[in-house]
PDB file of N, CA and C in Angstrom:
ATOM      1  N   UNK A   1     -23.341  -3.067   4.133  1.00  0.00           N
ATOM      2  CA  UNK A   1     -22.082  -2.325   4.066  1.00  0.00           C
ATOM      3  C   UNK A   1     -21.107  -3.102   3.189  1.00  0.00           C
ATOM      4  N   UNK A   2     -20.250  -2.390   2.504  1.00  0.00           N
ATOM      5  CA  UNK A   2     -19.268  -3.017   1.605  1.00  0.00           C
ATOM      6  C   UNK A   2     -18.255  -3.827   2.389  1.00  0.00           C
ATOM      7  N   UNK A   3     -17.671  -4.819   1.734  1.00  0.00           N
ATOM      8  CA  UNK A   3     -16.646  -5.635   2.378  1.00  0.00           C
ATOM      9  C   UNK A   3     -15.421  -4.783   2.649  1.00  0.00           C
ATOM     10  N   UNK A   4     -14.816  -4.977   3.806  1.00  0.00           N
ATOM     11  CA  UNK A   4     -13.622  -4.201   4.152  1.00  0.00           C
ATOM     12  C   UNK A   4     -12.644  -5.091   4.881  1.00  0.00           C
ATOM     13  N   UNK A   5     -11.417  -4.626   4.986  1.00  0.00           N
ATOM     14  CA  UNK A   5     -10.368  -5.351   5.661  1.00  0.00           C
ATOM     15  C   UNK A   5      -9.565  -4.352   6.459  1.00  0.00           C
ATOM     16  N   UNK A   6      -9.211  -4.678   7.689  1.00  0.00           N
ATOM     17  CA  UNK A   6      -8.418  -3.753   8.494  1.00  0.00           C
ATOM     18  C   UNK A   6      -7.083  -3.493   7.785  1.00  0.00           C
ATOM     19  N   UNK A   7      -6.651  -2.222   7.787  1.00  0.00           N
ATOM     20  CA  UNK A   7      -5.423  -1.841   7.082  1.00  0.00           C
ATOM     21  C   UNK A   7      -4.242  -2.711   7.495  1.00  0.00           C
ATOM     22  N   UNK A   8      -4.114  -2.974   8.788  1.00  0.00           N
ATOM     23  CA  UNK A   8      -3.020  -3.799   9.287  1.00  0.00           C
ATOM     24  C   UNK A   8      -3.025  -5.186   8.614  1.00  0.00           C
ATOM     25  N   UNK A   9      -4.215  -5.781   8.508  1.00  0.00           N
ATOM     26  CA  UNK A   9      -4.344  -7.105   7.889  1.00  0.00           C
ATOM     27  C   UNK A   9      -4.060  -7.033   6.396  1.00  0.00           C
ATOM     28  N   UNK A  10      -4.509  -5.969   5.741  1.00  0.00           N
ATOM     29  CA  UNK A  10      -4.276  -5.775   4.321  1.00  0.00           C
ATOM     30  C   UNK A  10      -2.767  -5.720   4.025  1.00  0.00           C
ATOM     31  N   UNK A  11      -2.035  -4.893   4.781  1.00  0.00           N
ATOM     32  CA  UNK A  11      -0.606  -4.739   4.582  1.00  0.00           C
ATOM     33  C   UNK A  11       0.113  -6.051   4.874  1.00  0.00           C
ATOM     34  N   UNK A  12      -0.266  -6.710   5.974  1.00  0.00           N
ATOM     35  CA  UNK A  12       0.360  -7.999   6.323  1.00  0.00           C
ATOM     36  C   UNK A  12       0.156  -9.024   5.213  1.00  0.00           C
ATOM     37  N   UNK A  13      -1.065  -9.113   4.699  1.00  0.00           N
ATOM     38  CA  UNK A  13      -1.355 -10.064   3.606  1.00  0.00           C
ATOM     39  C   UNK A  13      -0.548  -9.751   2.363  1.00  0.00           C
ATOM     40  N   UNK A  14      -0.451  -8.457   2.044  1.00  0.00           N
ATOM     41  CA  UNK A  14       0.327  -8.040   0.874  1.00  0.00           C
ATOM     42  C   UNK A  14       1.799  -8.408   1.047  1.00  0.00           C
ATOM     43  N   UNK A  15       2.359  -8.177   2.235  1.00  0.00           N
ATOM     44  CA  UNK A  15       3.769  -8.493   2.480  1.00  0.00           C
ATOM     45  C   UNK A  15       4.030 -10.004   2.405  1.00  0.00           C
ATOM     46  N   UNK A  16       3.122 -10.791   2.951  1.00  0.00           N
ATOM     47  CA  UNK A  16       3.249 -12.242   2.899  1.00  0.00           C
ATOM     48  C   UNK A  16       3.204 -12.705   1.441  1.00  0.00           C
ATOM     49  N   UNK A  17       2.297 -12.161   0.667  1.00  0.00           N
ATOM     50  CA  UNK A  17       2.203 -12.526  -0.752  1.00  0.00           C
ATOM     51  C   UNK A  17       3.478 -12.132  -1.504  1.00  0.00           C
ATOM     52  N   UNK A  18       4.012 -10.963  -1.196  1.00  0.00           N
ATOM     53  CA  UNK A  18       5.241 -10.509  -1.853  1.00  0.00           C
ATOM     54  C   UNK A  18       6.387 -11.429  -1.478  1.00  0.00           C
ATOM     55  N   UNK A  19       6.521 -11.779  -0.193  1.00  0.00           N
ATOM     56  CA  UNK A  19       7.583 -12.687   0.242  1.00  0.00           C
ATOM     57  C   UNK A  19       7.484 -14.035  -0.463  1.00  0.00           C
ATOM     58  N   UNK A  20       6.274 -14.569  -0.595  1.00  0.00           N
ATOM     59  CA  UNK A  20       6.077 -15.835  -1.292  1.00  0.00           C
ATOM     60  C   UNK A  20       6.495 -15.730  -2.745  1.00  0.00           C
ATOM     61  N   UNK A  21       6.151 -14.620  -3.376  1.00  0.00           N
ATOM     62  CA  UNK A  21       6.525 -14.411  -4.766  1.00  0.00           C
ATOM     63  C   UNK A  21       8.035 -14.363  -4.947  1.00  0.00           C
ATOM     64  N   UNK A  22       8.737 -13.680  -4.032  1.00  0.00           N
ATOM     65  CA  UNK A  22      10.171 -13.584  -4.106  1.00  0.00           C
ATOM     66  C   UNK A  22      10.828 -14.942  -3.894  1.00  0.00           C
ATOM     67  N   UNK A  23      10.346 -15.710  -2.927  1.00  0.00           N
ATOM     68  CA  UNK A  23      10.944 -17.039  -2.669  1.00  0.00           C
ATOM     69  C   UNK A  23      10.637 -18.037  -3.770  1.00  0.00           C
ATOM     70  N   UNK A  24       9.604 -17.779  -4.544  1.00  0.00           N
ATOM     71  CA  UNK A  24       9.264 -18.666  -5.669  1.00  0.00           C
ATOM     72  C   UNK A  24       9.976 -18.239  -6.945  1.00  0.00           C
ATOM     73  N   UNK A  25      10.909 -17.290  -6.816  1.00  0.00           N
ATOM     74  CA  UNK A  25      11.723 -16.894  -7.961  1.00  0.00           C
ATOM     75  C   UNK A  25      11.119 -15.833  -8.849  1.00  0.00           C
ATOM     76  N   UNK A  26      10.019 -15.234  -8.414  1.00  0.00           N
ATOM     77  CA  UNK A  26       9.436 -14.162  -9.205  1.00  0.00           C
ATOM     78  C   UNK A  26      10.232 -12.889  -9.035  1.00  0.00           C
ATOM     79  N   UNK A  27      10.340 -12.097 -10.077  1.00  0.00           N
ATOM     80  CA  UNK A  27      10.995 -10.806  -9.986  1.00  0.00           C
ATOM     81  C   UNK A  27      10.019  -9.785  -9.434  1.00  0.00           C
ATOM     82  N   UNK A  28      10.350  -9.200  -8.306  1.00  0.00           N
ATOM     83  CA  UNK A  28       9.530  -8.157  -7.710  1.00  0.00           C
ATOM     84  C   UNK A  28      10.347  -6.869  -7.763  1.00  0.00           C
ATOM     85  N   UNK A  29       9.786  -5.825  -8.352  1.00  0.00           N
ATOM     86  CA  UNK A  29      10.463  -4.546  -8.430  1.00  0.00           C
ATOM     87  C   UNK A  29      10.058  -3.699  -7.223  1.00  0.00           C
ATOM     88  N   UNK A  30      11.036  -3.360  -6.426  1.00  0.00           N
ATOM     89  CA  UNK A  30      10.791  -2.557  -5.229  1.00  0.00           C
ATOM     90  C   UNK A  30      11.201  -1.109  -5.505  1.00  0.00           C
ATOM     91  N   UNK A  31      10.624  -0.139  -4.862  1.00  0.00           N
ATOM     92  CA  UNK A  31       9.546  -0.281  -3.884  1.00  0.00           C
ATOM     93  C   UNK A  31       8.210  -0.532  -4.566  1.00  0.00           C
ATOM     94  N   UNK A  32       7.297  -1.143  -3.822  1.00  0.00           N
ATOM     95  CA  UNK A  32       5.929  -1.356  -4.297  1.00  0.00           C
ATOM     96  C   UNK A  32       5.070  -0.268  -3.677  1.00  0.00           C
ATOM     97  N   UNK A  33       4.339   0.425  -4.515  1.00  0.00           N
ATOM     98  CA  UNK A  33       3.520   1.543  -4.043  1.00  0.00           C
ATOM     99  C   UNK A  33       2.062   1.122  -3.951  1.00  0.00           C
ATOM    100  N   UNK A  34       1.447   1.491  -2.835  1.00  0.00           N
ATOM    101  CA  UNK A  34       0.023   1.201  -2.603  1.00  0.00           C
ATOM    102  C   UNK A  34      -0.708   2.538  -2.468  1.00  0.00           C
ATOM    103  N   UNK A  35      -1.903   2.592  -2.964  1.00  0.00           N
ATOM    104  CA  UNK A  35      -2.829   3.684  -2.677  1.00  0.00           C
ATOM    105  C   UNK A  35      -4.161   3.032  -2.369  1.00  0.00           C
ATOM    106  N   UNK A  36      -4.645   3.231  -1.150  1.00  0.00           N
ATOM    107  CA  UNK A  36      -5.849   2.548  -0.712  1.00  0.00           C
ATOM    108  C   UNK A  36      -6.868   3.526  -0.188  1.00  0.00           C
ATOM    109  N   UNK A  37      -8.118   3.153  -0.311  1.00  0.00           N
ATOM    110  CA  UNK A  37      -9.225   3.914   0.275  1.00  0.00           C
ATOM    111  C   UNK A  37      -9.509   3.345   1.625  1.00  0.00           C
ATOM    112  N   UNK A  38      -9.626   4.224   2.638  1.00  0.00           N
ATOM    113  CA  UNK A  38      -9.883   3.759   4.000  1.00  0.00           C
ATOM    114  C   UNK A  38     -11.019   4.534   4.630  1.00  0.00           C
ATOM    115  N   UNK A  39     -11.671   3.899   5.571  1.00  0.00           N
ATOM    116  CA  UNK A  39     -12.646   4.563   6.433  1.00  0.00           C
ATOM    117  C   UNK A  39     -12.257   4.258   7.861  1.00  0.00           C
ATOM    118  N   UNK A  40     -12.647   5.145   8.763  1.00  0.00           N
ATOM    119  CA  UNK A  40     -12.375   4.952  10.178  1.00  0.00           C
ATOM    120  C   UNK A  40     -13.595   4.279  10.794  1.00  0.00           C
ATOM    121  N   UNK A  41     -13.351   3.201  11.517  1.00  0.00           N
ATOM    122  CA  UNK A  41     -14.439   2.488  12.191  1.00  0.00           C
ATOM    123  C   UNK A  41     -14.191   2.559  13.697  1.00  0.00           C
ATOM    124  N   UNK A  42     -15.192   3.030  14.427  1.00  0.00           N
ATOM    125  CA  UNK A  42     -15.100   3.077  15.889  1.00  0.00           C
ATOM    126  C   UNK A  42     -15.536   1.753  16.471  1.00  0.00           C
ATOM    127  N   UNK A  43     -14.694   1.201  17.322  1.00  0.00           N
ATOM    128  CA  UNK A  43     -14.989  -0.076  17.953  1.00  0.00           C
ATOM    129  C   UNK A  43     -15.799   0.145  19.234  1.00  0.00           C
ATOM    130  N   UNK A  44     -16.371  -0.923  19.754  1.00  0.00           N
ATOM    131  CA  UNK A  44     -17.172  -0.840  20.983  1.00  0.00           C
ATOM    132  C   UNK A  44     -16.355  -0.367  22.182  1.00  0.00           C
ATOM    133  N   UNK A  45     -15.048  -0.662  22.178  1.00  0.00           N
ATOM    134  CA  UNK A  45     -14.210  -0.263  23.313  1.00  0.00           C
ATOM    135  C   UNK A  45     -13.685   1.171  23.194  1.00  0.00           C
ATOM    136  N   UNK A  46     -14.163   1.916  22.168  1.00  0.00           N
ATOM    137  CA  UNK A  46     -13.778   3.311  21.989  1.00  0.00           C
ATOM    138  C   UNK A  46     -12.554   3.522  21.127  1.00  0.00           C
ATOM    139  N   UNK A  47     -11.898   2.440  20.720  1.00  0.00           N
ATOM    140  CA  UNK A  47     -10.744   2.582  19.824  1.00  0.00           C
ATOM    141  C   UNK A  47     -11.212   2.706  18.378  1.00  0.00           C
ATOM    142  N   UNK A  48     -10.286   3.095  17.514  1.00  0.00           N
ATOM    143  CA  UNK A  48     -10.599   3.261  16.105  1.00  0.00           C
ATOM    144  C   UNK A  48      -9.734   2.329  15.274  1.00  0.00           C
ATOM    145  N   UNK A  49     -10.283   1.878  14.156  1.00  0.00           N
ATOM    146  CA  UNK A  49      -9.533   1.034  13.203  1.00  0.00           C
ATOM    147  C   UNK A  49      -9.669   1.637  11.823  1.00  0.00           C
ATOM    148  N   UNK A  50      -8.584   1.569  11.053  1.00  0.00           N
ATOM    149  CA  UNK A  50      -8.626   1.960   9.646  1.00  0.00           C
ATOM    150  C   UNK A  50      -8.976   0.729   8.833  1.00  0.00           C
ATOM    151  N   UNK A  51     -10.051   0.834   8.044  1.00  0.00           N
ATOM    152  CA  UNK A  51     -10.495  -0.282   7.233  1.00  0.00           C
ATOM    153  C   UNK A  51     -10.281   0.055   5.765  1.00  0.00           C
ATOM    154  N   UNK A  52      -9.652  -0.856   5.015  1.00  0.00           N
ATOM    155  CA  UNK A  52      -9.474  -0.701   3.580  1.00  0.00           C
ATOM    156  C   UNK A  52     -10.799  -1.072   2.929  1.00  0.00           C
ATOM    157  N   UNK A  53     -11.296  -0.191   2.031  1.00  0.00           N
ATOM    158  CA  UNK A  53     -12.595  -0.423   1.391  1.00  0.00           C
ATOM    159  C   UNK A  53     -12.515  -0.159  -0.080  1.00  0.00           C
ATOM    160  N   UNK A  54     -13.498  -0.636  -0.797  1.00  0.00           N
ATOM    161  CA  UNK A  54     -13.695  -0.253  -2.192  1.00  0.00           C
ATOM    162  C   UNK A  54     -14.430   1.065  -2.148  1.00  0.00           C
ATOM    163  N   UNK A  55     -13.756   2.159  -2.509  1.00  0.00           N
ATOM    164  CA  UNK A  55     -14.352   3.496  -2.314  1.00  0.00           C
ATOM    165  C   UNK A  55     -15.530   3.782  -3.230  1.00  0.00           C
ATOM    166  N   UNK A  56     -15.854   2.902  -4.138  1.00  0.00           N
ATOM    167  CA  UNK A  56     -16.994   3.137  -5.009  1.00  0.00           C
ATOM    168  C   UNK A  56     -18.276   2.517  -4.472  1.00  0.00           C
ATOM    169  N   UNK A  57     -18.195   1.882  -3.325  1.00  0.00           N
ATOM    170  CA  UNK A  57     -19.374   1.177  -2.794  1.00  0.00           C
ATOM    171  C   UNK A  57     -19.810   1.736  -1.431  1.00  0.00           C
ATOM    172  N   UNK A  58     -21.015   2.183  -1.359  1.00  0.00           N
ATOM    173  CA  UNK A  58     -21.717   2.450  -0.094  1.00  0.00           C
ATOM    174  C   UNK A  58     -21.066   3.447   0.857  1.00  0.00           C
ATOM    175  N   UNK A  59     -20.179   4.283   0.391  1.00  0.00           N
ATOM    176  CA  UNK A  59     -19.563   5.282   1.265  1.00  0.00           C
ATOM    177  C   UNK A  59     -19.661   6.627   0.577  1.00  0.00           C
ATOM    178  N   UNK A  60     -19.917   7.667   1.393  1.00  0.00           N
ATOM    179  CA  UNK A  60     -19.917   9.009   0.839  1.00  0.00           C
ATOM    180  C   UNK A  60     -18.474   9.492   0.698  1.00  0.00           C
ATOM    181  N   UNK A  61     -18.284  10.507  -0.123  1.00  0.00           N
ATOM    182  CA  UNK A  61     -16.956  11.058  -0.350  1.00  0.00           C
ATOM    183  C   UNK A  61     -16.327  11.568   0.959  1.00  0.00           C
ATOM    184  N   UNK A  62     -17.159  12.051   1.878  1.00  0.00           N
ATOM    185  CA  UNK A  62     -16.683  12.565   3.146  1.00  0.00           C
ATOM    186  C   UNK A  62     -16.177  11.454   4.075  1.00  0.00           C
ATOM    187  N   UNK A  63     -16.704  10.253   3.907  1.00  0.00           N
ATOM    188  CA  UNK A  63     -16.311   9.145   4.794  1.00  0.00           C
ATOM    189  C   UNK A  63     -14.994   8.504   4.373  1.00  0.00           C
ATOM    190  N   UNK A  64     -14.649   8.543   3.102  1.00  0.00           N
ATOM    191  CA  UNK A  64     -13.506   7.824   2.563  1.00  0.00           C
ATOM    192  C   UNK A  64     -12.276   8.740   2.460  1.00  0.00           C
ATOM    193  N   UNK A  65     -11.175   8.241   2.985  1.00  0.00           N
ATOM    194  CA  UNK A  65      -9.887   8.912   2.816  1.00  0.00           C
ATOM    195  C   UNK A  65      -8.988   8.005   2.002  1.00  0.00           C
ATOM    196  N   UNK A  66      -8.043   8.584   1.300  1.00  0.00           N
ATOM    197  CA  UNK A  66      -7.078   7.801   0.541  1.00  0.00           C
ATOM    198  C   UNK A  66      -5.710   7.992   1.168  1.00  0.00           C
ATOM    199  N   UNK A  67      -4.995   6.881   1.351  1.00  0.00           N
ATOM    200  CA  UNK A  67      -3.630   6.995   1.825  1.00  0.00           C
ATOM    201  C   UNK A  67      -2.716   6.271   0.829  1.00  0.00           C
ATOM    202  N   UNK A  68      -1.511   6.772   0.746  1.00  0.00           N
ATOM    203  CA  UNK A  68      -0.551   6.235  -0.194  1.00  0.00           C
ATOM    204  C   UNK A  68       0.716   5.894   0.589  1.00  0.00           C
ATOM    205  N   UNK A  69       1.290   4.716   0.329  1.00  0.00           N
ATOM    206  CA  UNK A  69       2.516   4.326   1.004  1.00  0.00           C
ATOM    207  C   UNK A  69       3.274   3.357   0.111  1.00  0.00           C
ATOM    208  N   UNK A  70       4.542   3.183   0.424  1.00  0.00           N
ATOM    209  CA  UNK A  70       5.336   2.248  -0.360  1.00  0.00           C
ATOM    210  C   UNK A  70       6.016   1.259   0.568  1.00  0.00           C
ATOM    211  N   UNK A  71       6.262   0.098   0.016  1.00  0.00           N
ATOM    212  CA  UNK A  71       6.947  -0.963   0.757  1.00  0.00           C
ATOM    213  C   UNK A  71       8.164  -1.350  -0.060  1.00  0.00           C
ATOM    214  N   UNK A  72       9.331  -1.224   0.576  1.00  0.00           N
ATOM    215  CA  UNK A  72      10.597  -1.647  -0.034  1.00  0.00           C
ATOM    216  C   UNK A  72      10.859  -3.103   0.302  1.00  0.00           C
ATOM    217  N   UNK A  73      11.954  -3.629  -0.224  1.00  0.00           N
ATOM    218  CA  UNK A  73      12.278  -5.036   0.022  1.00  0.00           C
ATOM    219  C   UNK A  73      12.443  -5.303   1.521  1.00  0.00           C
ATOM    220  N   UNK A  74      13.122  -4.411   2.223  1.00  0.00           N
ATOM    221  CA  UNK A  74      13.321  -4.587   3.669  1.00  0.00           C
ATOM    222  C   UNK A  74      11.991  -4.572   4.406  1.00  0.00           C
ATOM    223  N   UNK A  75      11.090  -3.638   4.012  1.00  0.00           N
ATOM    224  CA  UNK A  75       9.792  -3.536   4.684  1.00  0.00           C
ATOM    225  C   UNK A  75       8.946  -4.758   4.429  1.00  0.00           C
ATOM    226  N   UNK A  76       9.053  -5.348   3.226  1.00  0.00           N
ATOM    227  CA  UNK A  76       8.251  -6.517   2.900  1.00  0.00           C
ATOM    228  C   UNK A  76       8.653  -7.703   3.771  1.00  0.00           C
ATOM    229  N   UNK A  77       9.871  -7.654   4.318  1.00  0.00           N
ATOM    230  CA  UNK A  77      10.297  -8.755   5.192  1.00  0.00           C
ATOM    231  C   UNK A  77      10.338  -8.344   6.660  1.00  0.00           C
ATOM    232  N   UNK A  78       9.528  -7.312   7.021  1.00  0.00           N
ATOM    233  CA  UNK A  78       9.360  -6.986   8.414  1.00  0.00           C
ATOM    234  C   UNK A  78       9.889  -5.657   8.861  1.00  0.00           C
ATOM    235  N   UNK A  79      10.438  -4.844   7.961  1.00  0.00           N
ATOM    236  CA  UNK A  79      10.948  -3.524   8.344  1.00  0.00           C
ATOM    237  C   UNK A  79       9.850  -2.490   8.420  1.00  0.00           C
ATOM    238  N   UNK A  80      10.252  -1.213   8.561  1.00  0.00           N
ATOM    239  CA  UNK A  80       9.264  -0.113   8.675  1.00  0.00           C
ATOM    240  C   UNK A  80       8.751   0.286   7.300  1.00  0.00           C
ATOM    241  N   UNK A  81       7.515   0.744   7.275  1.00  0.00           N
ATOM    242  CA  UNK A  81       6.883   1.237   6.034  1.00  0.00           C
ATOM    243  C   UNK A  81       6.949   2.761   6.042  1.00  0.00           C
ATOM    244  N   UNK A  82       7.328   3.346   4.918  1.00  0.00           N
ATOM    245  CA  UNK A  82       7.397   4.800   4.813  1.00  0.00           C
ATOM    246  C   UNK A  82       6.116   5.324   4.196  1.00  0.00           C
ATOM    247  N   UNK A  83       5.422   6.198   4.918  1.00  0.00           N
ATOM    248  CA  UNK A  83       4.203   6.853   4.418  1.00  0.00           C
ATOM    249  C   UNK A  83       4.589   8.203   3.865  1.00  0.00           C
ATOM    250  N   UNK A  84       3.874   8.684   2.857  1.00  0.00           N
ATOM    251  CA  UNK A  84       4.164   9.996   2.297  1.00  0.00           C
ATOM    252  C   UNK A  84       2.909  10.661   1.796  1.00  0.00           C
ATOM    253  N   UNK A  85       2.993  11.969   1.650  1.00  0.00           N
ATOM    254  CA  UNK A  85       1.882  12.763   1.148  1.00  0.00           C
ATOM    255  C   UNK A  85       2.216  13.301  -0.225  1.00  0.00           C
ATOM    256  N   UNK A  86       1.184  13.479  -1.026  1.00  0.00           N
ATOM    257  CA  UNK A  86       1.399  14.080  -2.331  1.00  0.00           C
ATOM    258  C   UNK A  86       1.219  15.562  -2.252  1.00  0.00           C
TER     259      UNK A  86
END
């Protein structure tokens, strides 16, 4: 199976990287828009997790969903993320 990362971990890692870039004096233009391919994974305890995947590897078109969201400066430092549909 292709390498994947839980959506929550992906977003957290992205926000931490953005925060580091801002504190190191890099110019970050907000909002930052993400579009990711995800699959739903059922856990042993019956819960579900959204996993970020490379949609070109080992998944059928029916298994992969794409979600799009943006992170503003406030969200990158711990605020709410706004999701939207096209």
